């Protein structure tokens, strides 16, 4: 059994132009007032890895070009389309107009358990502020909320960790 690590050429990754031209998974990630530029960059990198349609940056989110975003995005901020909205509710309204089903990743009284979520068709997920989560009015405007079960003492995961978990599963369902 050969366990030698693959080289970059052996991985057959597409270049930036090929990525831009490629079909995308109909999944958009919305960042609701994410303050950490490193978290923003990590979400771009994850969006690139799963070939998502776009990242929507809202409120206090920093936008590319930005050296701190680049540190974690490693260039994904140059390939993944993004759009900025002053207000996250405007992004949700635009997504609804464009035919997307929108889910907040949040703990609510009626959250859908992440283990049971099934999506089809254009989907968007909203990830919230590192301390305060997704704004309540944004949760109210979404079509539903998805909650990742947790079994320890903490009640939340880092935004970029949550993004990796959620975007992997949903992109797999939509691919």
C-alpha atoms as a PDB file:
ATOM      1  CA  UNK A   1       0.000   0.000   0.000  1.00  0.00           C
ATOM      2  CA  UNK A   2       1.507   3.321  -1.110  1.00  0.00           C
ATOM      3  CA  UNK A   3       1.022   6.039   1.514  1.00  0.00           C
ATOM      4  CA  UNK A   4       3.322   8.580  -0.068  1.00  0.00           C
ATOM      5  CA  UNK A   5       1.710  12.006   0.075  1.00  0.00           C
ATOM      6  CA  UNK A   6       0.475  13.319  -3.261  1.00  0.00           C
ATOM      7  CA  UNK A   7       2.283  16.216  -4.863  1.00  0.00           C
ATOM      8  CA  UNK A   8       0.323  19.275  -5.999  1.00  0.00           C
ATOM      9  CA  UNK A   9       0.457  18.188  -9.694  1.00  0.00           C
ATOM     10  CA  UNK A  10      -0.740  14.689  -8.745  1.00  0.00           C
ATOM     11  CA  UNK A  11      -3.843  16.207  -7.116  1.00  0.00           C
ATOM     12  CA  UNK A  12      -5.003  17.560 -10.499  1.00  0.00           C
ATOM     13  CA  UNK A  13      -6.468  20.746  -9.005  1.00  0.00           C
ATOM     14  CA  UNK A  14      -7.915  23.310 -11.343  1.00  0.00           C
ATOM     15  CA  UNK A  15      -6.312  26.705 -11.713  1.00  0.00           C
ATOM     16  CA  UNK A  16      -8.120  29.958 -10.887  1.00  0.00           C
ATOM     17  CA  UNK A  17      -9.480  30.444 -14.419  1.00  0.00           C
ATOM     18  CA  UNK A  18     -10.780  26.872 -14.567  1.00  0.00           C
ATOM     19  CA  UNK A  19     -12.401  27.346 -11.162  1.00  0.00           C
ATOM     20  CA  UNK A  20     -14.166  30.531 -12.261  1.00  0.00           C
ATOM     21  CA  UNK A  21     -15.506  28.757 -15.375  1.00  0.00           C
ATOM     22  CA  UNK A  22     -16.557  25.551 -13.593  1.00  0.00           C
ATOM     23  CA  UNK A  23     -20.113  24.735 -12.564  1.00  0.00           C
ATOM     24  CA  UNK A  24     -20.705  25.591  -8.933  1.00  0.00           C
ATOM     25  CA  UNK A  25     -22.690  23.866  -6.221  1.00  0.00           C
ATOM     26  CA  UNK A  26     -25.909  25.913  -5.708  1.00  0.00           C
ATOM     27  CA  UNK A  27     -24.914  26.829  -2.153  1.00  0.00           C
ATOM     28  CA  UNK A  28     -24.186  30.312  -0.839  1.00  0.00           C
ATOM     29  CA  UNK A  29     -22.739  31.036   2.582  1.00  0.00           C
ATOM     30  CA  UNK A  30     -23.804  34.292   4.243  1.00  0.00           C
ATOM     31  CA  UNK A  31     -21.583  35.773   6.949  1.00  0.00           C
ATOM     32  CA  UNK A  32     -23.617  37.876   9.376  1.00  0.00           C
ATOM     33  CA  UNK A  33     -21.275  40.360  11.069  1.00  0.00           C
ATOM     34  CA  UNK A  34     -18.240  38.083  11.357  1.00  0.00           C
ATOM     35  CA  UNK A  35     -15.586  40.192  13.041  1.00  0.00           C
ATOM     36  CA  UNK A  36     -12.536  37.943  12.554  1.00  0.00           C
ATOM     37  CA  UNK A  37     -10.824  38.382   9.225  1.00  0.00           C
ATOM     38  CA  UNK A  38      -9.235  34.964   9.751  1.00  0.00           C
ATOM     39  CA  UNK A  39     -12.694  33.372  10.027  1.00  0.00           C
ATOM     40  CA  UNK A  40     -13.759  35.172   6.841  1.00  0.00           C
ATOM     41  CA  UNK A  41     -10.672  33.869   5.061  1.00  0.00           C
ATOM     42  CA  UNK A  42     -11.258  30.332   6.302  1.00  0.00           C
ATOM     43  CA  UNK A  43     -14.821  30.422   4.953  1.00  0.00           C
ATOM     44  CA  UNK A  44     -13.516  31.542   1.553  1.00  0.00           C
ATOM     45  CA  UNK A  45     -11.057  28.650   1.547  1.00  0.00           C
ATOM     46  CA  UNK A  46     -13.804  26.169   2.448  1.00  0.00           C
ATOM     47  CA  UNK A  47     -16.098  27.654  -0.225  1.00  0.00           C
ATOM     48  CA  UNK A  48     -13.324  27.138  -2.773  1.00  0.00           C
ATOM     49  CA  UNK A  49     -12.694  23.547  -1.608  1.00  0.00           C
ATOM     50  CA  UNK A  50     -16.336  22.592  -2.168  1.00  0.00           C
ATOM     51  CA  UNK A  51     -16.772  24.829  -5.262  1.00  0.00           C
ATOM     52  CA  UNK A  52     -19.636  26.847  -3.778  1.00  0.00           C
ATOM     53  CA  UNK A  53     -21.502  29.485  -5.701  1.00  0.00           C
ATOM     54  CA  UNK A  54     -20.596  32.493  -3.538  1.00  0.00           C
ATOM     55  CA  UNK A  55     -19.911  34.059  -0.171  1.00  0.00           C
ATOM     56  CA  UNK A  56     -22.071  36.983   0.959  1.00  0.00           C
ATOM     57  CA  UNK A  57     -20.390  39.306   3.441  1.00  0.00           C
ATOM     58  CA  UNK A  58     -22.682  41.408   5.626  1.00  0.00           C
ATOM     59  CA  UNK A  59     -22.386  44.190   8.152  1.00  0.00           C
ATOM     60  CA  UNK A  60     -19.016  44.447   9.894  1.00  0.00           C
ATOM     61  CA  UNK A  61     -17.446  41.675   7.777  1.00  0.00           C
ATOM     62  CA  UNK A  62     -14.243  42.763   6.130  1.00  0.00           C
ATOM     63  CA  UNK A  63     -14.061  42.325   2.351  1.00  0.00           C
ATOM     64  CA  UNK A  64     -11.209  41.329   0.051  1.00  0.00           C
ATOM     65  CA  UNK A  65      -8.689  42.419  -0.865  1.00  0.00           C
ATOM     66  CA  UNK A  66      -7.345  42.202   2.664  1.00  0.00           C
ATOM     67  CA  UNK A  67      -4.025  40.798   3.895  1.00  0.00           C
ATOM     68  CA  UNK A  68      -5.562  39.168   6.993  1.00  0.00           C
ATOM     69  CA  UNK A  69      -8.274  37.424   4.945  1.00  0.00           C
ATOM     70  CA  UNK A  70      -5.604  36.276   2.511  1.00  0.00           C
ATOM     71  CA  UNK A  71      -3.599  34.614   5.321  1.00  0.00           C
ATOM     72  CA  UNK A  72      -6.283  31.954   5.754  1.00  0.00           C
ATOM     73  CA  UNK A  73      -7.988  32.082   2.351  1.00  0.00           C
ATOM     74  CA  UNK A  74      -4.680  31.486   0.536  1.00  0.00           C
ATOM     75  CA  UNK A  75      -6.063  33.031  -2.655  1.00  0.00           C
ATOM     76  CA  UNK A  76      -9.596  31.604  -2.473  1.00  0.00           C
ATOM     77  CA  UNK A  77     -10.867  35.153  -1.971  1.00  0.00           C
ATOM     78  CA  UNK A  78      -9.721  35.774  -5.550  1.00  0.00           C
ATOM     79  CA  UNK A  79     -11.619  32.827  -7.028  1.00  0.00           C
ATOM     80  CA  UNK A  80     -14.834  32.505  -5.008  1.00  0.00           C
ATOM     81  CA  UNK A  81     -17.371  35.167  -6.001  1.00  0.00           C
ATOM     82  CA  UNK A  82     -18.468  37.391  -3.145  1.00  0.00           C
ATOM     83  CA  UNK A  83     -20.960  40.143  -2.585  1.00  0.00           C
ATOM     84  CA  UNK A  84     -21.222  42.680   0.217  1.00  0.00           C
ATOM     85  CA  UNK A  85     -24.460  43.819   1.898  1.00  0.00           C
ATOM     86  CA  UNK A  86     -24.638  46.519   4.578  1.00  0.00           C
ATOM     87  CA  UNK A  87     -27.543  44.648   6.149  1.00  0.00           C
ATOM     88  CA  UNK A  88     -27.891  40.864   6.351  1.00  0.00           C
ATOM     89  CA  UNK A  89     -31.671  41.125   5.941  1.00  0.00           C
ATOM     90  CA  UNK A  90     -31.071  42.598   2.481  1.00  0.00           C
ATOM     91  CA  UNK A  91     -28.974  39.546   1.600  1.00  0.00           C
ATOM     92  CA  UNK A  92     -31.719  37.196   2.822  1.00  0.00           C
ATOM     93  CA  UNK A  93     -34.335  39.103   0.824  1.00  0.00           C
ATOM     94  CA  UNK A  94     -32.164  38.907  -2.306  1.00  0.00           C
ATOM     95  CA  UNK A  95     -31.627  35.179  -1.802  1.00  0.00           C
ATOM     96  CA  UNK A  96     -35.374  34.610  -1.457  1.00  0.00           C
ATOM     97  CA  UNK A  97     -35.998  36.631  -4.626  1.00  0.00           C
ATOM     98  CA  UNK A  98     -33.392  34.486  -6.376  1.00  0.00           C
ATOM     99  CA  UNK A  99     -35.171  31.272  -5.330  1.00  0.00           C
ATOM    100  CA  UNK A 100     -32.923  30.116  -2.490  1.00  0.00           C
ATOM    101  CA  UNK A 101     -34.027  28.307   0.639  1.00  0.00           C
ATOM    102  CA  UNK A 102     -32.243  30.066   3.495  1.00  0.00           C
ATOM    103  CA  UNK A 103     -31.202  28.477   6.788  1.00  0.00           C
ATOM    104  CA  UNK A 104     -29.635  30.147   9.804  1.00  0.00           C
ATOM    105  CA  UNK A 105     -27.076  27.968  11.557  1.00  0.00           C
ATOM    106  CA  UNK A 106     -28.367  28.661  15.028  1.00  0.00           C
ATOM    107  CA  UNK A 107     -29.844  27.098  18.148  1.00  0.00           C
ATOM    108  CA  UNK A 108     -33.561  27.901  18.274  1.00  0.00           C
ATOM    109  CA  UNK A 109     -36.651  26.316  19.811  1.00  0.00           C
ATOM    110  CA  UNK A 110     -37.490  24.723  16.449  1.00  0.00           C
ATOM    111  CA  UNK A 111     -34.034  24.052  14.982  1.00  0.00           C
ATOM    112  CA  UNK A 112     -33.661  21.193  12.546  1.00  0.00           C
ATOM    113  CA  UNK A 113     -31.140  18.647  13.808  1.00  0.00           C
ATOM    114  CA  UNK A 114     -28.073  18.753  11.564  1.00  0.00           C
ATOM    115  CA  UNK A 115     -28.013  14.960  11.423  1.00  0.00           C
ATOM    116  CA  UNK A 116     -31.439  14.923   9.737  1.00  0.00           C
ATOM    117  CA  UNK A 117     -31.252  17.918   7.374  1.00  0.00           C
ATOM    118  CA  UNK A 118     -31.870  17.153   3.708  1.00  0.00           C
ATOM    119  CA  UNK A 119     -31.556  19.916   1.113  1.00  0.00           C
ATOM    120  CA  UNK A 120     -32.193  20.082  -2.598  1.00  0.00           C
ATOM    121  CA  UNK A 121     -32.103  23.031  -4.935  1.00  0.00           C
ATOM    122  CA  UNK A 122     -30.490  26.410  -4.354  1.00  0.00           C
ATOM    123  CA  UNK A 123     -29.645  26.742  -0.662  1.00  0.00           C
ATOM    124  CA  UNK A 124     -28.035  29.419   1.499  1.00  0.00           C
ATOM    125  CA  UNK A 125     -26.756  29.166   5.057  1.00  0.00           C
ATOM    126  CA  UNK A 126     -26.142  32.049   7.436  1.00  0.00           C
ATOM    127  CA  UNK A 127     -23.302  31.947   9.940  1.00  0.00           C
ATOM    128  CA  UNK A 128     -23.364  34.505  12.732  1.00  0.00           C
ATOM    129  CA  UNK A 129     -21.142  36.728  14.822  1.00  0.00           C
ATOM    130  CA  UNK A 130     -18.556  34.913  16.939  1.00  0.00           C
ATOM    131  CA  UNK A 131     -20.169  35.990  20.235  1.00  0.00           C
ATOM    132  CA  UNK A 132     -23.791  36.860  19.450  1.00  0.00           C
ATOM    133  CA  UNK A 133     -24.579  34.400  16.644  1.00  0.00           C
ATOM    134  CA  UNK A 134     -27.051  35.141  13.871  1.00  0.00           C
ATOM    135  CA  UNK A 135     -29.128  38.241  14.578  1.00  0.00           C
ATOM    136  CA  UNK A 136     -32.666  37.365  15.750  1.00  0.00           C
ATOM    137  CA  UNK A 137     -34.352  39.335  12.937  1.00  0.00           C
ATOM    138  CA  UNK A 138     -32.214  37.419  10.441  1.00  0.00           C
ATOM    139  CA  UNK A 139     -33.162  34.093  12.063  1.00  0.00           C
ATOM    140  CA  UNK A 140     -36.806  35.195  11.795  1.00  0.00           C
ATOM    141  CA  UNK A 141     -36.382  35.996   8.081  1.00  0.00           C
ATOM    142  CA  UNK A 142     -34.766  32.634   7.281  1.00  0.00           C
ATOM    143  CA  UNK A 143     -36.776  29.610   6.172  1.00  0.00           C
ATOM    144  CA  UNK A 144     -35.487  27.617   9.112  1.00  0.00           C
ATOM    145  CA  UNK A 145     -32.610  27.065  11.512  1.00  0.00           C
ATOM    146  CA  UNK A 146     -30.164  24.178  11.591  1.00  0.00           C
ATOM    147  CA  UNK A 147     -28.461  23.151  14.824  1.00  0.00           C
ATOM    148  CA  UNK A 148     -25.345  21.000  15.181  1.00  0.00           C
ATOM    149  CA  UNK A 149     -25.714  18.757  18.222  1.00  0.00           C
ATOM    150  CA  UNK A 150     -22.982  19.279  20.805  1.00  0.00           C
ATOM    151  CA  UNK A 151     -22.210  17.136  23.841  1.00  0.00           C
ATOM    152  CA  UNK A 152     -19.615  19.071  25.844  1.00  0.00           C
ATOM    153  CA  UNK A 153     -19.760  22.084  28.136  1.00  0.00           C
ATOM    154  CA  UNK A 154     -19.558  24.736  25.409  1.00  0.00           C
ATOM    155  CA  UNK A 155     -22.662  25.860  23.554  1.00  0.00           C
ATOM    156  CA  UNK A 156     -21.038  26.835  20.247  1.00  0.00           C
ATOM    157  CA  UNK A 157     -18.296  26.032  17.756  1.00  0.00           C
ATOM    158  CA  UNK A 158     -15.893  28.426  16.056  1.00  0.00           C
ATOM    159  CA  UNK A 159     -17.475  29.958  12.947  1.00  0.00           C
ATOM    160  CA  UNK A 160     -14.893  28.486  10.585  1.00  0.00           C
ATOM    161  CA  UNK A 161     -15.286  25.012  12.143  1.00  0.00           C
ATOM    162  CA  UNK A 162     -19.060  25.274  11.800  1.00  0.00           C
ATOM    163  CA  UNK A 163     -18.634  26.356   8.184  1.00  0.00           C
ATOM    164  CA  UNK A 164     -16.500  23.314   7.404  1.00  0.00           C
ATOM    165  CA  UNK A 165     -18.973  20.896   8.946  1.00  0.00           C
ATOM    166  CA  UNK A 166     -22.122  22.420   7.431  1.00  0.00           C
ATOM    167  CA  UNK A 167     -20.749  23.270   3.984  1.00  0.00           C
ATOM    168  CA  UNK A 168     -19.269  19.823   3.509  1.00  0.00           C
ATOM    169  CA  UNK A 169     -22.532  18.020   4.243  1.00  0.00           C
ATOM    170  CA  UNK A 170     -24.801  20.360   2.291  1.00  0.00           C
ATOM    171  CA  UNK A 171     -22.478  20.617  -0.723  1.00  0.00           C
ATOM    172  CA  UNK A 172     -22.342  16.820  -0.848  1.00  0.00           C
ATOM    173  CA  UNK A 173     -26.150  16.683  -0.939  1.00  0.00           C
ATOM    174  CA  UNK A 174     -26.344  19.368  -3.642  1.00  0.00           C
ATOM    175  CA  UNK A 175     -23.488  18.103  -5.840  1.00  0.00           C
END
